Amino acid sequence: MNILVIGQNGREHALAVAYAKSKKVSKVIMTPGNGLTDFQNIKIKNYPKAGMTDFKGIVKVCKKEKIDLVDVAQDDVIAAGYVDRLEELGIAAFGPTKLASQLEWDKEWARNFMLKYNLPIPRFQVFNNQKKAISYINSLPEQVLFVKASGLALGKGVIRAENKKEAIEAVKAMKNFGGSGETFLIEEALVGEEFSLFAICDGENFQVTKAAQDHKRIYDGDKGPNTGGVGSIAPTGAVSSAIIREIESKIIKPTLLGMKNEGRVYKGILYLGGIITSNGVKVIEFNCRWGDPEAEVIVPSIQTDYLSLVDSVRVGRLSKSKIQFDEKIRLSVAGCSKGYPQNYSSVIDKEIFGLTDAMKLPDITIFGAGIKRSGKRFFANGGRVFHVVGEGKNVIETMENAYKAISMITIEGNNLYYRTDIGWRDLGRLKK
């Protein structure tokens, strides 16, 4: 079979590699891909001129390359209804429909859905008027709040406010997200440890993966502005088997039943961003695809043929499959352009050194993101440039492997930035 993966970041690179491992797959096409996705893997080919928003171009690629299945892996294209549109043209696609994916692209709708089906969530209010939102904030006692753009904002539409003053500033900042921030939510801040858990769903049945812990803030110690995610670890010791059972019974199962009741049967990857509080697990958010950078540490651990798994979802036979995982721990560190997530424009086109040497190390995989290639030379082409993934039998070994590899890489002009404490909570648990 021939597979097409829509996307250009580390998540999509990890998925392309997973498909390429299948004996059933002849080739994997990526639209547009990046400078690492087609490097040293003869099964993977990029179509850089077919951008993610170029639906007609993607359809042309499907016809030219005789594509049997399209993995609609990226949030914006899922929200744009690519699964529906491809299926209407007779092209098989994997991912939730536009209606089902409203769980991600419309936070207002998602929170109201969660209320209706009694899912555990924080207190929240929805606004589309700045003055009313500020008045509401002023009516509250001093506390930590989250202000969230209702629409998609590349993972950056959530602002943590430590007090009323910061919350009012966050409300005013919603205009920076354009249409996505016209409607926004103000939510109580929950106290606890956050995690990511993924359920592979066929509409009725589901199986969960290893739990991961994403690191969203740009600086060590979880400080600074939110990013799209600058590192992750899986499995995380924060999530026990008892917590997973709680999530399955109180969150995933009622969500799938609720979506079916709403006429929005959910098939694909359901991403729970959760938090473990003193009152149990709460839902921070749902996303409708693999996370990035969580995919880079979970997808490589799947031992089951990935194409067979996807096929079982599409035909509603997931109950007949059992997903197998290896027992390794994986940790990803995002190599970023200095200045990310704000202004990193001066780093674009700077040369990257040491990448191929780092790739030769044992227990290391590097997934490309904002990176381009000319011959055998690599150049920065985005905020998150690449993801170094180390693996090992325990947290210490895994961290050592990942950080040894990334220490070998530089961006011209000392323009590489990365956090040095990815996995710090799990390291702390190991030392107790």
Protein backbone atom coordinates (compact mmCIF):
# COMPACT_ATOMS: atom_id res chain seq x y z
CA MET A 1 0.00 0.00 0.00
CA ASN A 2 0.96 3.62 -0.51
CA ILE A 3 0.39 6.03 2.39
CA LEU A 4 0.26 9.83 2.46
CA VAL A 5 0.88 11.72 5.72
CA ILE A 6 -0.19 15.38 5.75
CA GLY A 7 2.19 17.51 7.80
CA GLN A 8 5.74 18.73 8.25
CA ASN A 9 6.66 18.43 11.91
CA GLY A 10 8.09 15.87 14.32
CA ARG A 11 4.72 14.23 14.91
CA GLU A 12 4.18 13.56 11.22
CA HIS A 13 7.79 12.39 10.80
CA ALA A 14 7.26 9.85 13.60
CA LEU A 15 4.07 8.63 11.93
CA ALA A 16 5.75 8.34 8.53
CA VAL A 17 8.49 6.19 10.07
CA ALA A 18 5.86 4.01 11.78
CA TYR A 19 4.03 3.42 8.51
CA ALA A 20 7.30 2.78 6.67
CA LYS A 21 8.13 -0.07 9.10
CA SER A 22 5.05 -1.99 7.95
CA LYS A 23 5.74 -4.78 5.46
CA LYS A 24 2.41 -3.89 3.86
CA VAL A 25 3.64 -0.39 2.94
CA SER A 26 5.53 0.24 -0.29
CA LYS A 27 6.05 3.99 0.14
CA VAL A 28 5.10 6.89 2.38
CA ILE A 29 4.51 10.31 0.86
CA MET A 30 4.63 13.45 3.00
CA THR A 31 2.98 16.75 2.07
CA PRO A 32 5.01 18.84 2.52
CA GLY A 33 7.43 17.03 4.86
CA ASN A 34 10.72 18.60 5.94
CA GLY A 35 14.45 18.28 5.38
CA LEU A 36 14.80 15.23 7.64
CA THR A 37 11.67 13.25 6.80
CA ASP A 38 13.06 11.85 3.52
CA PHE A 39 16.66 11.66 4.76
CA GLN A 40 18.10 8.12 5.04
CA ASN A 41 14.72 6.41 4.65
CA ILE A 42 14.20 5.13 1.13
CA LYS A 43 10.48 4.49 1.68
CA ILE A 44 9.66 8.14 2.51
CA LYS A 45 9.33 10.86 -0.15
CA ASN A 46 8.42 14.54 0.30
CA TYR A 47 6.18 16.68 -1.88
CA PRO A 48 7.31 20.08 -0.55
CA LYS A 49 5.23 22.04 -3.08
CA ALA A 50 1.99 20.52 -1.80
CA GLY A 51 1.40 22.51 1.38
CA MET A 52 -0.95 21.37 4.13
CA THR A 53 -3.61 23.90 3.10
CA ASP A 54 -3.33 23.01 -0.61
CA PHE A 55 -6.19 20.51 -0.78
CA LYS A 56 -6.24 20.36 -4.57
CA GLY A 57 -2.49 19.81 -4.60
CA ILE A 58 -2.81 16.99 -2.08
CA VAL A 59 -5.52 15.32 -4.18
CA LYS A 60 -3.23 15.54 -7.23
CA VAL A 61 -0.45 13.86 -5.25
CA CYS A 62 -2.88 11.11 -4.18
CA LYS A 63 -3.72 10.40 -7.81
CA LYS A 64 -0.16 10.61 -9.09
CA GLU A 65 1.29 8.38 -6.37
CA LYS A 66 -1.71 6.01 -6.27
CA ILE A 67 -2.28 6.64 -2.57
CA ASP A 68 -4.34 4.02 -0.70
CA LEU A 69 -4.67 5.87 2.61
CA VAL A 70 -4.19 9.46 3.80
CA ASP A 71 -3.31 10.08 7.45
CA VAL A 72 -4.78 13.50 8.30
CA ALA A 73 -2.41 14.06 11.20
CA GLN A 74 -2.31 17.81 11.80
CA ASP A 75 -4.83 19.87 13.78
CA ASP A 76 -5.54 22.60 11.23
CA VAL A 77 -6.24 20.15 8.40
CA ILE A 78 -8.41 17.99 10.66
CA ALA A 79 -10.41 21.10 11.58
CA ALA A 80 -10.69 21.98 7.88
CA GLY A 81 -12.58 18.73 7.30
CA TYR A 82 -9.97 17.00 5.15
CA VAL A 83 -11.13 13.54 6.30
CA ASP A 84 -14.67 14.24 5.07
CA ARG A 85 -13.49 15.86 1.83
CA LEU A 86 -11.09 13.07 0.94
CA GLU A 87 -13.63 10.34 1.70
CA GLU A 88 -16.17 12.16 -0.51
CA LEU A 89 -13.67 11.82 -3.38
CA GLY A 90 -13.26 8.10 -2.71
CA ILE A 91 -9.84 8.50 -1.05
CA ALA A 92 -9.52 6.57 2.22
CA ALA A 93 -8.52 8.81 5.15
CA PHE A 94 -7.62 8.28 8.81
CA GLY A 95 -8.68 10.80 11.44
CA PRO A 96 -11.87 12.24 12.95
CA THR A 97 -14.46 14.07 10.87
CA LYS A 98 -14.84 17.83 11.03
CA LEU A 99 -17.86 17.47 13.33
CA ALA A 100 -16.11 15.03 15.64
CA SER A 101 -12.99 17.18 15.80
CA GLN A 102 -14.97 20.13 17.15
CA LEU A 103 -13.75 18.73 20.48
CA GLU A 104 -10.46 20.44 19.63
CA TRP A 105 -11.15 23.34 17.33
CA ASP A 106 -13.92 24.89 19.42
CA LYS A 107 -13.14 25.06 23.15
CA GLU A 108 -16.51 26.62 23.93
CA TRP A 109 -18.38 23.73 22.29
CA ALA A 110 -16.03 21.20 23.90
CA ARG A 111 -16.52 22.53 27.44
CA ASN A 112 -20.30 22.56 27.01
CA PHE A 113 -20.15 18.97 25.72
CA MET A 114 -18.12 17.98 28.79
CA LEU A 115 -20.68 19.63 31.07
CA LYS A 116 -23.53 17.81 29.36
CA TYR A 117 -21.89 14.41 29.80
CA ASN A 118 -20.65 15.04 33.34
CA LEU A 119 -16.95 14.87 32.60
CA PRO A 120 -14.65 16.17 35.37
CA ILE A 121 -13.59 19.70 34.38
CA PRO A 122 -12.57 23.02 35.98
CA ARG A 123 -15.04 25.86 36.49
CA PHE A 124 -15.18 28.12 33.44
CA GLN A 125 -16.97 31.04 31.79
CA VAL A 126 -17.13 31.91 28.09
CA PHE A 127 -16.83 35.47 26.76
CA ASN A 128 -16.75 37.35 23.46
CA ASN A 129 -16.75 40.77 25.09
CA GLN A 130 -13.61 42.18 26.66
CA LYS A 131 -15.38 44.52 29.10
CA LYS A 132 -17.64 41.77 30.43
CA ALA A 133 -14.66 39.46 30.85
CA ILE A 134 -12.70 42.08 32.81
CA SER A 135 -15.73 42.77 34.99
CA TYR A 136 -15.99 39.04 35.72
CA ILE A 137 -12.30 38.85 36.65
CA ASN A 138 -12.67 41.80 39.01
CA SER A 139 -15.59 40.06 40.72
CA LEU A 140 -13.43 37.07 41.63
CA PRO A 141 -11.13 36.67 44.64
CA GLU A 142 -7.42 36.86 43.81
CA GLN A 143 -6.42 33.54 42.21
CA VAL A 144 -4.57 31.88 39.35
CA LEU A 145 -6.63 31.72 36.14
CA PHE A 146 -6.25 30.47 32.59
CA VAL A 147 -7.47 32.54 29.65
CA LYS A 148 -7.93 30.41 26.53
CA ALA A 149 -8.69 31.28 22.92
CA SER A 150 -11.64 29.14 21.84
CA GLY A 151 -10.20 28.41 18.40
CA LEU A 152 -6.97 26.80 17.24
CA ALA A 153 -3.83 28.84 17.96
CA LEU A 154 -0.90 26.48 17.27
CA GLY A 155 -0.83 25.38 20.89
CA LYS A 156 -0.12 28.93 22.08
CA GLY A 157 -3.65 30.21 22.77
CA VAL A 158 -3.59 29.43 26.48
CA ILE A 159 -2.28 32.09 28.88
CA ARG A 160 -1.69 31.41 32.56
CA ALA A 161 -2.41 34.44 34.76
CA GLU A 162 -1.02 34.48 38.29
CA ASN A 163 -3.35 37.25 39.43
CA LYS A 164 -6.17 39.55 38.31
CA LYS A 165 -3.84 42.03 36.64
CA GLU A 166 -2.26 39.32 34.49
CA ALA A 167 -5.69 37.84 33.71
CA ILE A 168 -6.90 41.21 32.40
CA GLU A 169 -3.74 41.49 30.28
CA ALA A 170 -4.41 37.98 28.94
CA VAL A 171 -7.96 38.93 27.99
CA LYS A 172 -6.62 41.91 26.04
CA ALA A 173 -4.07 39.62 24.36
CA MET A 174 -6.82 37.41 22.90
CA LYS A 175 -7.04 39.79 19.96
CA ASN A 176 -3.56 38.60 18.94
CA PHE A 177 -5.08 35.24 17.96
CA GLY A 178 -7.40 36.75 15.36
CA GLY A 179 -10.65 34.86 14.83
CA SER A 180 -9.49 32.11 17.18
CA GLY A 181 -9.50 34.56 20.08
CA GLU A 182 -12.78 36.37 19.37
CA THR A 183 -14.43 33.93 21.78
CA PHE A 184 -12.39 32.93 24.80
CA LEU A 185 -12.69 31.08 28.08
CA ILE A 186 -11.67 32.04 31.60
CA GLU A 187 -11.03 28.96 33.72
CA GLU A 188 -9.95 28.23 37.26
CA ALA A 189 -6.41 26.92 37.56
CA LEU A 190 -6.31 23.39 38.92
CA VAL A 191 -3.54 22.23 41.22
CA GLY A 192 -1.85 18.97 40.32
CA GLU A 193 0.40 17.23 37.84
CA GLU A 194 -0.39 17.36 34.14
CA PHE A 195 -0.08 14.51 31.65
CA SER A 196 -1.08 13.44 28.14
CA LEU A 197 -2.87 10.18 27.40
CA PHE A 198 -3.94 8.97 23.97
CA ALA A 199 -6.84 6.67 23.13
CA ILE A 200 -7.05 4.97 19.76
CA CYS A 201 -10.80 4.86 19.00
CA ASP A 202 -13.00 3.16 16.41
CA GLY A 203 -16.23 4.89 17.43
CA GLU A 204 -17.19 2.44 20.18
CA ASN A 205 -14.05 0.64 21.28
CA PHE A 206 -10.77 2.15 22.38
CA GLN A 207 -7.31 1.26 23.62
CA VAL A 208 -5.05 3.64 25.50
CA THR A 209 -1.33 4.14 24.97
CA LYS A 210 1.48 4.92 27.36
CA ALA A 211 0.99 8.17 29.27
CA ALA A 212 3.37 11.02 28.46
CA GLN A 213 4.31 14.29 30.09
CA ASP A 214 4.71 17.28 27.81
CA HIS A 215 6.81 20.33 28.73
CA LYS A 216 5.05 23.40 27.33
CA ARG A 217 6.89 26.33 28.89
CA ILE A 218 10.03 27.51 27.15
CA TYR A 219 12.40 27.78 30.12
CA ASP A 220 13.73 25.28 32.65
CA GLY A 221 11.56 24.83 35.72
CA ASP A 222 8.41 25.30 33.59
CA LYS A 223 8.82 29.06 33.39
CA GLY A 224 8.21 31.51 30.55
CA PRO A 225 5.59 31.56 27.80
CA ASN A 226 3.81 28.52 26.43
CA THR A 227 5.13 26.84 23.31
CA GLY A 228 3.90 24.06 21.06
CA GLY A 229 5.85 21.72 23.37
CA VAL A 230 9.63 21.60 23.81
CA GLY A 231 10.05 18.10 25.21
CA SER A 232 8.27 15.07 26.56
CA ILE A 233 8.78 11.74 28.31
CA ALA A 234 6.85 8.46 28.12
CA PRO A 235 5.83 6.57 30.05
CA THR A 236 5.56 9.03 32.93
CA GLY A 237 5.43 7.75 36.48
CA ALA A 238 2.76 10.36 37.25
CA VAL A 239 0.09 8.10 35.78
CA SER A 240 -0.46 4.78 37.56
CA SER A 241 -2.52 1.85 36.31
CA ALA A 242 -5.25 2.86 38.77
CA ILE A 243 -5.36 6.37 37.29
CA ILE A 244 -5.58 4.90 33.78
CA ARG A 245 -8.59 2.81 34.86
CA GLU A 246 -10.19 5.98 36.27
CA ILE A 247 -9.58 7.81 32.98
CA GLU A 248 -11.02 4.97 30.93
CA SER A 249 -14.23 4.71 32.95
CA LYS A 250 -14.87 8.36 33.82
CA ILE A 251 -13.51 10.19 30.76
CA ILE A 252 -12.80 8.17 27.60
CA LYS A 253 -15.82 5.84 27.68
CA PRO A 254 -18.42 8.56 28.38
CA THR A 255 -16.79 10.81 25.79
CA LEU A 256 -17.15 8.21 23.04
CA LEU A 257 -20.74 7.46 24.09
CA GLY A 258 -21.52 11.17 24.19
CA MET A 259 -20.03 11.77 20.77
CA LYS A 260 -22.08 8.90 19.35
CA ASN A 261 -25.23 10.36 20.95
CA GLU A 262 -24.43 13.72 19.34
CA GLY A 263 -24.16 12.09 15.91
CA ARG A 264 -20.40 12.65 15.85
CA VAL A 265 -18.98 9.11 15.98
CA TYR A 266 -15.33 9.47 16.95
CA LYS A 267 -12.77 7.48 14.95
CA GLY A 268 -9.09 8.28 15.26
CA ILE A 269 -6.70 9.41 17.98
CA LEU A 270 -8.26 11.08 21.01
CA TYR A 271 -5.75 13.10 23.03
CA LEU A 272 -6.57 13.78 26.67
CA GLY A 273 -4.67 16.62 28.26
CA GLY A 274 -5.37 15.89 31.90
CA ILE A 275 -4.34 16.86 35.41
CA ILE A 276 -4.21 14.72 38.53
CA THR A 277 -5.75 16.69 41.40
CA SER A 278 -6.60 15.82 44.99
CA ASN A 279 -10.17 15.23 43.73
CA GLY A 280 -9.21 12.89 40.90
CA VAL A 281 -8.33 13.40 37.26
CA LYS A 282 -9.74 16.46 35.48
CA VAL A 283 -9.93 17.23 31.77
CA ILE A 284 -7.83 20.23 30.76
CA GLU A 285 -8.54 19.71 27.07
CA PHE A 286 -9.17 17.22 24.31
CA ASN A 287 -7.25 17.22 21.05
CA CYS A 288 -8.14 15.12 18.05
CA ARG A 289 -4.77 13.76 16.93
CA TRP A 290 -1.39 12.73 18.27
CA GLY A 291 0.37 15.38 20.32
CA ASP A 292 3.62 16.96 19.27
CA PRO A 293 6.12 16.22 20.90
CA GLU A 294 4.31 13.29 22.58
CA ALA A 295 4.01 11.33 19.32
CA GLU A 296 7.79 11.25 19.08
CA VAL A 297 8.07 9.30 22.35
CA ILE A 298 4.94 7.10 22.07
CA VAL A 299 4.57 6.10 18.41
CA PRO A 300 8.08 4.54 18.21
CA SER A 301 7.16 2.33 21.19
CA ILE A 302 4.23 0.71 19.33
CA GLN A 303 5.22 -2.82 18.33
CA THR A 304 1.95 -3.62 16.55
CA ASP A 305 1.97 -3.01 12.79
CA TYR A 306 0.77 0.59 12.63
CA LEU A 307 -1.07 0.27 9.32
CA SER A 308 -2.97 -2.77 10.61
CA LEU A 309 -3.92 -0.79 13.69
CA VAL A 310 -5.22 2.11 11.61
CA ASP A 311 -7.17 -0.27 9.38
CA SER A 312 -8.85 -1.86 12.41
CA VAL A 313 -9.99 1.61 13.52
CA ARG A 314 -11.38 2.51 10.12
CA VAL A 315 -13.49 -0.67 9.85
CA GLY A 316 -14.61 -0.66 13.51
CA ARG A 317 -12.73 -3.80 14.54
CA LEU A 318 -10.36 -2.39 17.14
CA SER A 319 -11.71 -4.88 19.70
CA LYS A 320 -10.09 -7.63 17.62
CA SER A 321 -6.65 -6.01 17.92
CA LYS A 322 -4.30 -5.70 20.87
CA ILE A 323 -1.76 -2.90 20.78
CA GLN A 324 1.67 -4.02 21.95
CA PHE A 325 4.28 -1.59 23.30
CA ASP A 326 7.94 -2.05 24.12
CA GLU A 327 9.16 -1.44 27.66
CA LYS A 328 11.65 1.34 26.91
CA ILE A 329 11.47 4.86 28.28
CA ARG A 330 11.79 7.61 25.68
CA LEU A 331 12.53 11.29 26.15
CA SER A 332 12.42 14.01 23.50
CA VAL A 333 14.23 17.34 23.61
CA ALA A 334 13.22 19.96 21.05
CA GLY A 335 16.10 21.79 19.42
CA CYS A 336 14.73 25.32 18.93
CA SER A 337 15.76 28.47 17.15
CA LYS A 338 16.93 30.98 19.75
CA GLY A 339 14.05 33.40 20.40
CA TYR A 340 11.28 30.82 20.03
CA PRO A 341 8.33 31.06 20.72
CA GLN A 342 8.58 34.78 20.06
CA ASN A 343 10.85 36.33 17.43
CA TYR A 344 13.34 33.86 15.94
CA SER A 345 13.39 35.27 12.39
CA SER A 346 17.14 35.98 12.50
CA VAL A 347 17.83 32.24 12.92
CA ILE A 348 16.03 31.17 9.73
CA ASP A 349 18.49 29.83 7.13
CA LYS A 350 21.30 29.45 9.67
CA GLU A 351 23.23 26.22 9.15
CA ILE A 352 22.91 23.29 11.55
CA PHE A 353 26.02 21.30 12.44
CA GLY A 354 26.50 17.91 14.08
CA LEU A 355 23.11 16.49 13.20
CA THR A 356 24.27 13.43 11.28
CA ASP A 357 26.90 12.62 13.90
CA ALA A 358 24.24 12.69 16.63
CA MET A 359 22.00 10.43 14.54
CA LYS A 360 24.71 7.75 14.56
CA LEU A 361 24.62 7.37 18.35
CA PRO A 362 22.94 4.24 19.76
CA ASP A 363 19.45 4.63 21.22
CA ILE A 364 18.91 7.95 19.44
CA THR A 365 16.31 8.97 16.85
CA ILE A 366 15.98 12.50 15.49
CA PHE A 367 12.72 13.71 13.99
CA GLY A 368 12.67 16.82 11.82
CA ALA A 369 10.39 19.83 12.24
CA GLY A 370 11.41 23.36 11.14
CA ILE A 371 14.36 22.15 9.10
CA LYS A 372 15.37 22.13 5.46
CA ARG A 373 18.17 20.40 3.56
CA SER A 374 20.41 21.28 0.65
CA GLY A 375 22.43 18.26 -0.36
CA LYS A 376 23.85 17.00 2.92
CA ARG A 377 23.66 20.39 4.67
CA PHE A 378 20.83 21.29 7.04
CA PHE A 379 19.36 24.71 7.84
CA ALA A 380 16.93 26.11 10.41
CA ASN A 381 13.49 26.78 8.98
CA GLY A 382 11.22 27.27 11.97
CA GLY A 383 10.88 27.65 15.73
CA ARG A 384 11.10 24.02 16.75
CA VAL A 385 13.81 22.78 14.40
CA PHE A 386 14.15 19.10 15.36
CA HIS A 387 13.38 16.65 18.18
CA VAL A 388 16.14 14.48 19.65
CA VAL A 389 14.64 11.30 21.13
CA GLY A 390 16.70 9.20 23.50
CA GLU A 391 15.64 5.80 24.75
CA GLY A 392 16.76 3.61 27.61
CA LYS A 393 15.76 1.20 30.35
CA ASN A 394 15.32 3.91 32.99
CA VAL A 395 14.91 7.68 33.27
CA ILE A 396 18.57 8.41 34.03
CA GLU A 397 19.90 6.42 31.07
CA THR A 398 17.30 7.91 28.75
CA MET A 399 18.09 11.49 29.79
CA GLU A 400 21.82 10.89 29.42
CA ASN A 401 21.36 9.51 25.92
CA ALA A 402 19.13 12.37 24.75
CA TYR A 403 21.29 15.15 26.19
CA LYS A 404 24.53 13.60 24.95
CA ALA A 405 23.08 13.65 21.43
CA ILE A 406 21.73 17.20 21.47
CA SER A 407 25.00 18.51 22.97
CA MET A 408 26.69 17.48 19.71
CA ILE A 409 24.44 19.77 17.63
CA THR A 410 24.78 23.51 17.06
CA ILE A 411 23.14 26.17 14.92
CA GLU A 412 25.42 28.71 13.28
CA GLY A 413 26.01 31.76 15.47
CA ASN A 414 25.19 29.95 18.72
CA ASN A 415 21.50 30.01 17.82
CA LEU A 416 20.37 26.62 19.17
CA TYR A 417 18.22 26.66 22.30
CA TYR A 418 16.82 23.76 24.30
CA ARG A 419 15.60 23.06 27.81
CA THR A 420 18.04 21.14 29.96
CA ASP A 421 15.51 19.63 32.38
CA ILE A 422 13.06 17.59 30.28
CA GLY A 423 11.81 14.72 32.44
CA TRP A 424 12.70 16.45 35.71
CA ARG A 425 9.60 15.30 37.53
CA ASP A 426 10.19 11.65 36.65
CA LEU A 427 13.83 12.01 37.61
CA GLY A 428 12.68 13.31 41.00
CA ARG A 429 10.33 10.35 41.45
CA LEU A 430 13.19 7.96 40.68
CA LYS A 431 15.36 9.52 43.39
CA LYS A 432 12.71 9.27 46.11
